[in-house]
């Protein structure tokens, strides 16, 4: 494994681990100041501040979160991952969100772009 691949694998592990644990600061430390984040259903990219608010909302809405990684493939400068995000809402409702995410990691070891594809109806139970 090349040093660049090792950095990408480390970033991937730390990102999903931080979200599972509800570590907002851990997520923020992995994102570059100029990160652009797009989610299915968004009309445009979110800047860092807005994207971190989405992370905050998700962590607040789901006291339990777990990633079931189905596949992860590295490419030059990032990775694409398919996973099922299992989460439990505050009212006990469970969701299983099938996701494909593309993440670009800069030479600085920080995430500069995230494109996240999922069916928005699968997250709807968290809005009730």
Protein backbone atom coordinates (compact mmCIF):
# COMPACT_ATOMS: atom_id res chain seq x y z
CA UNK A 1 0.00 0.00 0.00
CA UNK A 2 1.38 3.38 -0.97
CA UNK A 3 1.71 6.18 1.61
CA UNK A 4 -1.09 8.09 -0.18
CA UNK A 5 -3.38 5.04 0.02
CA UNK A 6 -2.58 4.68 3.72
CA UNK A 7 -3.59 8.31 4.31
CA UNK A 8 -6.88 7.78 2.43
CA UNK A 9 -7.65 4.62 4.43
CA UNK A 10 -6.86 6.43 7.69
CA UNK A 11 -9.11 9.37 6.79
CA UNK A 12 -11.96 7.00 5.87
CA UNK A 13 -11.63 5.08 9.12
CA UNK A 14 -11.42 8.21 11.28
CA UNK A 15 -14.38 9.91 9.55
CA UNK A 16 -16.87 7.08 9.93
CA UNK A 17 -15.61 6.22 13.42
CA UNK A 18 -16.10 9.85 14.52
CA UNK A 19 -19.66 9.92 13.18
CA UNK A 20 -20.49 6.61 14.87
CA UNK A 21 -19.20 7.95 18.19
CA UNK A 22 -20.90 11.35 17.78
CA UNK A 23 -17.53 13.12 17.76
CA UNK A 24 -18.38 16.39 16.02
CA UNK A 25 -14.89 17.78 16.58
CA UNK A 26 -13.33 14.68 15.06
CA UNK A 27 -15.38 15.20 11.89
CA UNK A 28 -14.53 18.90 11.74
CA UNK A 29 -10.80 18.21 12.09
CA UNK A 30 -10.92 16.00 8.99
CA UNK A 31 -12.58 18.61 6.77
CA UNK A 32 -10.60 21.27 4.93
CA UNK A 33 -11.77 24.86 5.33
CA UNK A 34 -12.89 24.84 1.69
CA UNK A 35 -14.70 21.48 1.81
CA UNK A 36 -17.77 21.22 -0.44
CA UNK A 37 -20.45 18.71 0.54
CA UNK A 38 -23.36 17.62 -1.63
CA UNK A 39 -26.13 15.25 -0.53
CA UNK A 40 -28.87 13.66 -2.60
CA UNK A 41 -31.71 16.14 -2.75
CA UNK A 42 -29.49 19.23 -2.37
CA UNK A 43 -29.77 21.88 -5.04
CA UNK A 44 -26.17 23.00 -4.52
CA UNK A 45 -23.02 22.19 -2.57
CA UNK A 46 -22.92 22.98 1.13
CA UNK A 47 -19.98 24.88 2.55
CA UNK A 48 -18.16 23.69 5.65
CA UNK A 49 -20.34 25.54 8.16
CA UNK A 50 -23.60 24.30 6.66
CA UNK A 51 -22.32 20.74 6.25
CA UNK A 52 -21.18 20.64 9.89
CA UNK A 53 -24.68 21.77 10.92
CA UNK A 54 -26.05 18.74 9.04
CA UNK A 55 -23.63 16.48 10.95
CA UNK A 56 -24.70 18.12 14.23
CA UNK A 57 -28.37 17.58 13.39
CA UNK A 58 -27.78 13.93 12.46
CA UNK A 59 -25.84 13.21 15.65
CA UNK A 60 -28.53 14.92 17.74
CA UNK A 61 -31.33 13.04 15.94
CA UNK A 62 -29.71 9.60 16.27
CA UNK A 63 -28.29 8.50 19.60
CA UNK A 64 -27.09 5.26 17.96
CA UNK A 65 -25.29 4.99 14.60
CA UNK A 66 -23.39 2.18 12.90
CA UNK A 67 -21.84 1.83 9.45
CA UNK A 68 -21.99 -1.47 7.61
CA UNK A 69 -19.35 -1.05 4.91
CA UNK A 70 -20.24 -3.04 1.81
CA UNK A 71 -17.35 -1.91 -0.40
CA UNK A 72 -14.61 0.71 -0.43
CA UNK A 73 -12.41 1.44 -3.43
CA UNK A 74 -9.57 3.94 -3.45
CA UNK A 75 -8.84 6.11 -6.45
CA UNK A 76 -6.10 8.66 -6.96
CA UNK A 77 -6.95 11.32 -4.39
CA UNK A 78 -9.86 9.70 -2.60
CA UNK A 79 -12.26 6.82 -2.26
CA UNK A 80 -15.76 5.67 -3.07
CA UNK A 81 -17.65 3.66 -0.50
CA UNK A 82 -20.95 1.83 -0.41
CA UNK A 83 -22.43 1.30 3.01
CA UNK A 84 -25.61 0.91 4.97
CA UNK A 85 -25.93 3.48 7.73
CA UNK A 86 -27.95 1.95 10.55
CA UNK A 87 -29.29 4.50 13.02
CA UNK A 88 -31.88 4.77 15.74
CA UNK A 89 -33.87 7.97 16.21
CA UNK A 90 -34.62 9.44 19.63
CA UNK A 91 -38.14 7.95 19.47
CA UNK A 92 -36.71 4.46 18.82
CA UNK A 93 -37.40 4.42 15.08
CA UNK A 94 -34.69 2.58 13.16
CA UNK A 95 -33.42 3.46 9.72
CA UNK A 96 -31.13 1.61 7.34
CA UNK A 97 -29.86 4.11 4.78
CA UNK A 98 -28.09 2.63 1.75
CA UNK A 99 -25.43 5.11 0.66
CA UNK A 100 -22.79 5.57 -2.00
CA UNK A 101 -20.31 8.27 -1.03
CA UNK A 102 -17.41 9.72 -2.99
CA UNK A 103 -14.77 11.52 -0.92
CA UNK A 104 -11.79 13.45 -2.23
CA UNK A 105 -8.81 13.77 0.09
CA UNK A 106 -6.14 16.38 -0.54
CA UNK A 107 -2.40 15.93 -0.21
CA UNK A 108 -2.83 17.69 3.16
CA UNK A 109 -4.74 14.63 4.44
CA UNK A 110 -7.99 16.60 4.72
CA UNK A 111 -11.31 16.03 2.99
CA UNK A 112 -11.99 18.61 0.28
CA UNK A 113 -15.13 17.21 -1.36
CA UNK A 114 -17.97 14.84 -0.43
CA UNK A 115 -20.75 13.66 -2.76
CA UNK A 116 -23.29 11.49 -0.94
CA UNK A 117 -25.95 9.54 -2.84
CA UNK A 118 -28.96 7.99 -1.10
CA UNK A 119 -32.74 7.89 -1.39
CA UNK A 120 -33.98 10.81 0.75
CA UNK A 121 -37.19 8.91 1.63
CA UNK A 122 -35.07 6.48 3.67
CA UNK A 123 -34.07 9.25 6.09
CA UNK A 124 -37.60 10.71 6.38
CA UNK A 125 -38.38 8.94 9.69
CA UNK A 126 -35.82 11.19 11.41
CA UNK A 127 -37.89 14.26 10.57
CA UNK A 128 -41.00 13.17 12.50
